[in-house]
Amino acid sequence: MKNLPKIALSLIAVGVFAQANASTITLSTGFSDASAQASAAAYAAVVNAAVAAPGAGYGSTTIASYDNVNNSSLFGSNTNIAFKSVINFGVSATDAGAWSFRSGVDFGKGGALFLDGVALDVKSNDMWWAGNYNNASQFLSGSGSLAAGNHTLTIYGLEGCCDGGQQVQFKAGNSNFASFAANDGLVSAVPEPTTYAMLLIGLGLLGFTARRKQEAKF
């Protein structure tokens, strides 16, 4: 057990620094034959209930890139799908300001887009973007002013059949749109103050152990 402080310090350091180079994307799906919903909040409620007990042909996973993603290739089913996508990312001080988002979807019964828990867009029509952002009725979009720190983009949707490829993209300031991915250059999570506190505790344990070893020599 003499190496415990070093091990603890290593694990904490990994937790602090290993997440500093990409967003984190989690896609969850479940069975739902619900019809189109009347509000963004209603989409969130229906989808959250479905993904809580997904059933065979559905599931939850972290994906490396949000380009051409569908349920059938990930979990099997291509009908009666409730989609929930959660993208956690960090904004650096240099990138703080105006951000835009768009989600090319295959939501036959509509869906909703949320940023930090606030609805940016909701549509109840049959949406199939088919790789084309020229028709605003066929994808979800929105924008906002983001401060430096952690943020979450969440997409909810319902698809009855023919599960097609989907995409989620971001744009900071005047830059071009880019897909969320493991190599998107964003910070996945700016470490919280409690994480830094854990790192300091680990450093303290390491220093205390080194001091005890030094005293034992004399």
C-alpha atoms as a PDB file:
ATOM      1  CA  MET A   1       0.000   0.000   0.000  1.00  0.00           C
ATOM      2  CA  LYS A   2       3.031   2.289   0.130  1.00  0.00           C
ATOM      3  CA  ASN A   3       2.370   3.404  -3.463  1.00  0.00           C
ATOM      4  CA  LEU A   4      -1.272   4.321  -2.806  1.00  0.00           C
ATOM      5  CA  PRO A   5      -0.725   8.125  -2.738  1.00  0.00           C
ATOM      6  CA  LYS A   6       1.170   7.980  -6.034  1.00  0.00           C
ATOM      7  CA  ILE A   7      -1.559   5.869  -7.606  1.00  0.00           C
ATOM      8  CA  ALA A   8      -4.275   8.203  -6.325  1.00  0.00           C
ATOM      9  CA  LEU A   9      -2.389  11.224  -7.631  1.00  0.00           C
ATOM     10  CA  SER A  10      -1.966   9.642 -11.058  1.00  0.00           C
ATOM     11  CA  LEU A  11      -5.667   8.812 -11.327  1.00  0.00           C
ATOM     12  CA  ILE A  12      -6.699  12.317 -10.282  1.00  0.00           C
ATOM     13  CA  ALA A  13      -4.276  13.913 -12.733  1.00  0.00           C
ATOM     14  CA  VAL A  14      -5.704  11.768 -15.529  1.00  0.00           C
ATOM     15  CA  GLY A  15      -9.196  12.895 -14.560  1.00  0.00           C
ATOM     16  CA  VAL A  16      -8.134  16.542 -14.673  1.00  0.00           C
ATOM     17  CA  PHE A  17      -6.095  16.650 -17.859  1.00  0.00           C
ATOM     18  CA  ALA A  18      -7.158  13.724 -20.080  1.00  0.00           C
ATOM     19  CA  GLN A  19     -10.445  15.378 -21.079  1.00  0.00           C
ATOM     20  CA  ALA A  20      -9.009  18.605 -22.413  1.00  0.00           C
ATOM     21  CA  ASN A  21      -9.051  18.005 -26.160  1.00  0.00           C
ATOM     22  CA  ALA A  22     -12.503  16.984 -27.427  1.00  0.00           C
ATOM     23  CA  SER A  23     -16.218  17.046 -26.734  1.00  0.00           C
ATOM     24  CA  THR A  24     -17.970  14.015 -25.239  1.00  0.00           C
ATOM     25  CA  ILE A  25     -20.920  12.623 -27.225  1.00  0.00           C
ATOM     26  CA  THR A  26     -23.423  10.153 -25.740  1.00  0.00           C
ATOM     27  CA  LEU A  27     -26.218   8.744 -27.901  1.00  0.00           C
ATOM     28  CA  SER A  28     -29.114   6.931 -26.207  1.00  0.00           C
ATOM     29  CA  THR A  29     -32.125   5.342 -27.893  1.00  0.00           C
ATOM     30  CA  GLY A  30     -35.232   3.467 -26.860  1.00  0.00           C
ATOM     31  CA  PHE A  31     -38.481   2.095 -28.245  1.00  0.00           C
ATOM     32  CA  SER A  32     -41.263   4.636 -28.767  1.00  0.00           C
ATOM     33  CA  ASP A  33     -44.294   4.694 -31.023  1.00  0.00           C
ATOM     34  CA  ALA A  34     -45.364   8.094 -29.689  1.00  0.00           C
ATOM     35  CA  SER A  35     -46.734  10.621 -32.148  1.00  0.00           C
ATOM     36  CA  ALA A  36     -45.402  14.120 -32.788  1.00  0.00           C
ATOM     37  CA  GLN A  37     -45.304  16.288 -29.658  1.00  0.00           C
ATOM     38  CA  ALA A  38     -46.615  19.790 -29.076  1.00  0.00           C
ATOM     39  CA  SER A  39     -43.575  21.292 -27.328  1.00  0.00           C
ATOM     40  CA  ALA A  40     -39.854  20.899 -26.730  1.00  0.00           C
ATOM     41  CA  ALA A  41     -40.537  19.909 -23.122  1.00  0.00           C
ATOM     42  CA  ALA A  42     -42.926  17.186 -24.304  1.00  0.00           C
ATOM     43  CA  TYR A  43     -40.267  15.720 -26.623  1.00  0.00           C
ATOM     44  CA  ALA A  44     -37.794  15.665 -23.727  1.00  0.00           C
ATOM     45  CA  ALA A  45     -40.271  13.903 -21.441  1.00  0.00           C
ATOM     46  CA  VAL A  46     -41.302  11.237 -23.975  1.00  0.00           C
ATOM     47  CA  VAL A  47     -37.744  10.495 -25.087  1.00  0.00           C
ATOM     48  CA  ASN A  48     -36.321  10.410 -21.557  1.00  0.00           C
ATOM     49  CA  ALA A  49     -38.954   7.849 -20.576  1.00  0.00           C
ATOM     50  CA  ALA A  50     -38.153   5.697 -23.624  1.00  0.00           C
ATOM     51  CA  VAL A  51     -34.373   5.661 -23.206  1.00  0.00           C
ATOM     52  CA  ALA A  52     -34.693   4.842 -19.492  1.00  0.00           C
ATOM     53  CA  ALA A  53     -35.812   1.306 -20.503  1.00  0.00           C
ATOM     54  CA  PRO A  54     -34.510   0.919 -24.064  1.00  0.00           C
ATOM     55  CA  GLY A  55     -35.258  -2.750 -24.849  1.00  0.00           C
ATOM     56  CA  ALA A  56     -33.697  -4.964 -27.525  1.00  0.00           C
ATOM     57  CA  GLY A  57     -32.482  -3.105 -30.623  1.00  0.00           C
ATOM     58  CA  TYR A  58     -31.755   0.093 -28.710  1.00  0.00           C
ATOM     59  CA  GLY A  59     -29.108   1.234 -26.233  1.00  0.00           C
ATOM     60  CA  SER A  60     -26.648   3.882 -25.117  1.00  0.00           C
ATOM     61  CA  THR A  61     -23.046   4.504 -26.129  1.00  0.00           C
ATOM     62  CA  THR A  62     -20.353   7.141 -26.401  1.00  0.00           C
ATOM     63  CA  ILE A  63     -19.552   7.860 -30.041  1.00  0.00           C
ATOM     64  CA  ALA A  64     -16.343   9.244 -31.548  1.00  0.00           C
ATOM     65  CA  SER A  65     -17.967  11.355 -34.255  1.00  0.00           C
ATOM     66  CA  TYR A  66     -21.436  12.758 -34.881  1.00  0.00           C
ATOM     67  CA  ASP A  67     -21.403  12.187 -38.626  1.00  0.00           C
ATOM     68  CA  ASN A  68     -23.733   9.710 -40.369  1.00  0.00           C
ATOM     69  CA  VAL A  69     -24.910   8.192 -37.072  1.00  0.00           C
ATOM     70  CA  ASN A  70     -28.004   5.979 -36.874  1.00  0.00           C
ATOM     71  CA  ASN A  71     -29.586   3.529 -34.468  1.00  0.00           C
ATOM     72  CA  SER A  72     -29.660   0.556 -36.838  1.00  0.00           C
ATOM     73  CA  SER A  73     -25.871   0.468 -37.231  1.00  0.00           C
ATOM     74  CA  LEU A  74     -25.274   0.957 -33.513  1.00  0.00           C
ATOM     75  CA  PHE A  75     -27.956  -1.197 -31.898  1.00  0.00           C
ATOM     76  CA  GLY A  76     -30.058  -2.917 -34.590  1.00  0.00           C
ATOM     77  CA  SER A  77     -33.553  -1.485 -34.849  1.00  0.00           C
ATOM     78  CA  ASN A  78     -34.539   1.001 -37.551  1.00  0.00           C
ATOM     79  CA  THR A  79     -38.155   1.593 -36.485  1.00  0.00           C
ATOM     80  CA  ASN A  80     -40.000   3.238 -33.568  1.00  0.00           C
ATOM     81  CA  ILE A  81     -36.930   5.013 -32.210  1.00  0.00           C
ATOM     82  CA  ALA A  82     -36.655   7.677 -29.521  1.00  0.00           C
ATOM     83  CA  PHE A  83     -33.310   9.513 -29.806  1.00  0.00           C
ATOM     84  CA  LYS A  84     -31.465  11.410 -27.084  1.00  0.00           C
ATOM     85  CA  SER A  85     -28.055  12.878 -27.871  1.00  0.00           C
ATOM     86  CA  VAL A  86     -26.049  14.628 -25.147  1.00  0.00           C
ATOM     87  CA  ILE A  87     -22.911  16.543 -26.136  1.00  0.00           C
ATOM     88  CA  ASN A  88     -20.772  17.937 -23.315  1.00  0.00           C
ATOM     89  CA  PHE A  89     -18.123  20.449 -24.341  1.00  0.00           C
ATOM     90  CA  GLY A  90     -16.085  23.276 -22.923  1.00  0.00           C
ATOM     91  CA  VAL A  91     -15.635  26.798 -24.235  1.00  0.00           C
ATOM     92  CA  SER A  92     -12.285  28.494 -23.724  1.00  0.00           C
ATOM     93  CA  ALA A  93     -12.008  32.189 -22.918  1.00  0.00           C
ATOM     94  CA  THR A  94     -10.785  32.919 -26.469  1.00  0.00           C
ATOM     95  CA  ASP A  95     -13.855  31.194 -27.990  1.00  0.00           C
ATOM     96  CA  ALA A  96     -16.440  32.783 -25.692  1.00  0.00           C
ATOM     97  CA  GLY A  97     -19.164  34.667 -27.555  1.00  0.00           C
ATOM     98  CA  ALA A  98     -21.575  33.798 -30.368  1.00  0.00           C
ATOM     99  CA  TRP A  99     -22.021  30.094 -31.166  1.00  0.00           C
ATOM    100  CA  SER A 100     -24.365  28.390 -33.631  1.00  0.00           C
ATOM    101  CA  PHE A 101     -25.562  24.793 -33.785  1.00  0.00           C
ATOM    102  CA  ARG A 102     -27.389  22.643 -36.313  1.00  0.00           C
ATOM    103  CA  SER A 103     -28.526  19.041 -36.239  1.00  0.00           C
ATOM    104  CA  GLY A 104     -29.281  17.178 -39.457  1.00  0.00           C
ATOM    105  CA  VAL A 105     -31.754  14.493 -38.368  1.00  0.00           C
ATOM    106  CA  ASP A 106     -34.100  11.749 -39.442  1.00  0.00           C
ATOM    107  CA  PHE A 107     -36.985  12.452 -37.076  1.00  0.00           C
ATOM    108  CA  GLY A 108     -40.208  11.452 -38.803  1.00  0.00           C
ATOM    109  CA  LYS A 109     -42.233  12.723 -35.832  1.00  0.00           C
ATOM    110  CA  GLY A 110     -40.191  15.800 -35.004  1.00  0.00           C
ATOM    111  CA  GLY A 111     -37.748  16.715 -32.285  1.00  0.00           C
ATOM    112  CA  ALA A 112     -36.182  19.441 -30.173  1.00  0.00           C
ATOM    113  CA  LEU A 113     -32.772  21.029 -29.581  1.00  0.00           C
ATOM    114  CA  PHE A 114     -31.648  22.279 -26.150  1.00  0.00           C
ATOM    115  CA  LEU A 115     -28.593  24.247 -25.065  1.00  0.00           C
ATOM    116  CA  ASP A 116     -27.811  24.133 -21.344  1.00  0.00           C
ATOM    117  CA  GLY A 117     -31.385  23.056 -20.624  1.00  0.00           C
ATOM    118  CA  VAL A 118     -33.014  25.839 -22.661  1.00  0.00           C
ATOM    119  CA  ALA A 119     -34.919  24.973 -25.852  1.00  0.00           C
ATOM    120  CA  LEU A 120     -33.411  26.514 -28.987  1.00  0.00           C
ATOM    121  CA  ASP A 121     -35.642  24.847 -31.573  1.00  0.00           C
ATOM    122  CA  VAL A 122     -38.562  22.442 -31.854  1.00  0.00           C
ATOM    123  CA  LYS A 123     -40.295  21.023 -34.927  1.00  0.00           C
ATOM    124  CA  SER A 124     -43.149  18.529 -35.113  1.00  0.00           C
ATOM    125  CA  ASN A 125     -43.074  17.900 -38.876  1.00  0.00           C
ATOM    126  CA  ASP A 126     -41.448  14.984 -40.669  1.00  0.00           C
ATOM    127  CA  MET A 127     -37.740  15.887 -40.808  1.00  0.00           C
ATOM    128  CA  TRP A 128     -35.223  14.219 -43.090  1.00  0.00           C
ATOM    129  CA  TRP A 129     -32.269  16.467 -43.901  1.00  0.00           C
ATOM    130  CA  ALA A 130     -30.577  13.975 -46.318  1.00  0.00           C
ATOM    131  CA  GLY A 131     -27.263  15.807 -46.038  1.00  0.00           C
ATOM    132  CA  ASN A 132     -28.782  19.129 -47.119  1.00  0.00           C
ATOM    133  CA  TYR A 133     -29.023  22.226 -44.901  1.00  0.00           C
ATOM    134  CA  ASN A 134     -30.847  24.355 -47.490  1.00  0.00           C
ATOM    135  CA  ASN A 135     -34.336  23.601 -46.139  1.00  0.00           C
ATOM    136  CA  ALA A 136     -34.677  24.890 -42.559  1.00  0.00           C
ATOM    137  CA  SER A 137     -37.786  22.777 -41.931  1.00  0.00           C
ATOM    138  CA  GLN A 138     -35.705  19.601 -42.218  1.00  0.00           C
ATOM    139  CA  PHE A 139     -33.179  20.153 -39.438  1.00  0.00           C
ATOM    140  CA  LEU A 140     -32.887  21.616 -35.938  1.00  0.00           C
ATOM    141  CA  SER A 141     -30.800  24.730 -35.328  1.00  0.00           C
ATOM    142  CA  GLY A 142     -30.141  27.542 -32.911  1.00  0.00           C
ATOM    143  CA  SER A 143     -27.564  29.947 -31.556  1.00  0.00           C
ATOM    144  CA  GLY A 144     -26.532  31.650 -28.352  1.00  0.00           C
ATOM    145  CA  SER A 145     -23.810  33.597 -26.583  1.00  0.00           C
ATOM    146  CA  LEU A 146     -21.633  31.196 -24.586  1.00  0.00           C
ATOM    147  CA  ALA A 147     -19.396  32.151 -21.694  1.00  0.00           C
ATOM    148  CA  ALA A 148     -16.153  30.322 -20.999  1.00  0.00           C
ATOM    149  CA  GLY A 149     -16.833  27.062 -19.149  1.00  0.00           C
ATOM    150  CA  ASN A 150     -18.847  23.869 -19.546  1.00  0.00           C
ATOM    151  CA  HIS A 151     -21.910  23.571 -21.785  1.00  0.00           C
ATOM    152  CA  THR A 152     -24.328  20.844 -22.891  1.00  0.00           C
ATOM    153  CA  LEU A 153     -26.176  20.440 -26.177  1.00  0.00           C
ATOM    154  CA  THR A 154     -29.074  17.958 -26.095  1.00  0.00           C
ATOM    155  CA  ILE A 155     -31.149  16.692 -29.017  1.00  0.00           C
ATOM    156  CA  TYR A 156     -34.413  14.750 -28.650  1.00  0.00           C
ATOM    157  CA  GLY A 157     -36.309  13.143 -31.512  1.00  0.00           C
ATOM    158  CA  LEU A 158     -38.826  10.501 -32.600  1.00  0.00           C
ATOM    159  CA  GLU A 159     -38.575   8.328 -35.722  1.00  0.00           C
ATOM    160  CA  GLY A 160     -41.194   5.859 -36.883  1.00  0.00           C
ATOM    161  CA  CYS A 161     -39.262   4.069 -39.606  1.00  0.00           C
ATOM    162  CA  CYS A 162     -36.314   4.065 -41.980  1.00  0.00           C
ATOM    163  CA  ASP A 163     -33.592   5.159 -39.574  1.00  0.00           C
ATOM    164  CA  GLY A 164     -31.240   7.423 -41.570  1.00  0.00           C
ATOM    165  CA  GLY A 165     -27.842   8.959 -40.877  1.00  0.00           C
ATOM    166  CA  GLN A 166     -27.648  12.037 -38.653  1.00  0.00           C
ATOM    167  CA  GLN A 167     -25.163  14.805 -37.917  1.00  0.00           C
ATOM    168  CA  VAL A 168     -24.628  17.501 -35.252  1.00  0.00           C
ATOM    169  CA  GLN A 169     -22.419  20.531 -35.917  1.00  0.00           C
ATOM    170  CA  PHE A 170     -21.197  23.689 -34.182  1.00  0.00           C
ATOM    171  CA  LYS A 171     -19.780  27.036 -35.251  1.00  0.00           C
ATOM    172  CA  ALA A 172     -17.904  29.445 -32.981  1.00  0.00           C
ATOM    173  CA  GLY A 173     -17.976  33.063 -34.114  1.00  0.00           C
ATOM    174  CA  ASN A 174     -17.251  33.427 -37.830  1.00  0.00           C
ATOM    175  CA  SER A 175     -15.667  30.004 -38.242  1.00  0.00           C
ATOM    176  CA  ASN A 176     -17.127  27.300 -40.469  1.00  0.00           C
ATOM    177  CA  PHE A 177     -19.492  24.612 -39.200  1.00  0.00           C
ATOM    178  CA  ALA A 178     -17.724  21.471 -37.962  1.00  0.00           C
ATOM    179  CA  SER A 179     -19.105  18.189 -36.662  1.00  0.00           C
ATOM    180  CA  PHE A 180     -18.784  17.292 -32.999  1.00  0.00           C
ATOM    181  CA  ALA A 181     -16.150  14.563 -32.742  1.00  0.00           C
ATOM    182  CA  ALA A 182     -13.269  13.183 -30.705  1.00  0.00           C
ATOM    183  CA  ASN A 183     -10.933  15.408 -32.734  1.00  0.00           C
ATOM    184  CA  ASP A 184     -13.065  18.561 -32.919  1.00  0.00           C
ATOM    185  CA  GLY A 185     -10.544  20.620 -30.927  1.00  0.00           C
ATOM    186  CA  LEU A 186     -13.051  21.614 -28.238  1.00  0.00           C
ATOM    187  CA  VAL A 187     -12.476  21.134 -24.553  1.00  0.00           C
ATOM    188  CA  SER A 188     -14.647  18.242 -23.420  1.00  0.00           C
ATOM    189  CA  ALA A 189     -14.965  19.573 -19.900  1.00  0.00           C
ATOM    190  CA  VAL A 190     -13.223  22.375 -18.084  1.00  0.00           C
ATOM    191  CA  PRO A 191     -12.225  20.803 -14.733  1.00  0.00           C
ATOM    192  CA  GLU A 192     -14.446  21.925 -11.886  1.00  0.00           C
ATOM    193  CA  PRO A 193     -12.964  23.504  -8.698  1.00  0.00           C
ATOM    194  CA  THR A 194     -13.658  20.259  -6.813  1.00  0.00           C
ATOM    195  CA  THR A 195     -11.455  18.385  -9.281  1.00  0.00           C
ATOM    196  CA  TYR A 196      -8.579  20.751  -8.652  1.00  0.00           C
ATOM    197  CA  ALA A 197      -9.169  20.298  -4.918  1.00  0.00           C
ATOM    198  CA  MET A 198      -8.795  16.544  -5.369  1.00  0.00           C
ATOM    199  CA  LEU A 199      -5.544  17.108  -7.230  1.00  0.00           C
ATOM    200  CA  LEU A 200      -4.216  19.258  -4.377  1.00  0.00           C
ATOM    201  CA  ILE A 201      -5.192  16.576  -1.856  1.00  0.00           C
ATOM    202  CA  GLY A 202      -3.320  14.012  -3.918  1.00  0.00           C
ATOM    203  CA  LEU A 203      -0.260  16.262  -4.000  1.00  0.00           C
ATOM    204  CA  GLY A 204      -0.547  16.687  -0.254  1.00  0.00           C
ATOM    205  CA  LEU A 205      -0.655  12.929   0.309  1.00  0.00           C
ATOM    206  CA  LEU A 206       2.368  12.472  -1.890  1.00  0.00           C
ATOM    207  CA  GLY A 207       4.284  15.161  -0.001  1.00  0.00           C
ATOM    208  CA  PHE A 208       3.281  13.718   3.370  1.00  0.00           C
ATOM    209  CA  THR A 209       4.487  10.273   2.341  1.00  0.00           C
ATOM    210  CA  ALA A 210       7.794  11.654   1.093  1.00  0.00           C
ATOM    211  CA  ARG A 211       8.292  13.524   4.370  1.00  0.00           C
ATOM    212  CA  ARG A 212       7.626  10.408   6.447  1.00  0.00           C
ATOM    213  CA  LYS A 213      10.151   8.466   4.387  1.00  0.00           C
ATOM    214  CA  GLN A 214      12.716  11.228   4.904  1.00  0.00           C
ATOM    215  CA  GLU A 215      12.128  11.263   8.671  1.00  0.00           C
ATOM    216  CA  ALA A 216      12.409   7.481   8.828  1.00  0.00           C
ATOM    217  CA  LYS A 217      15.933   7.684   7.432  1.00  0.00           C
ATOM    218  CA  PHE A 218      17.009   9.714  10.451  1.00  0.00           C
END
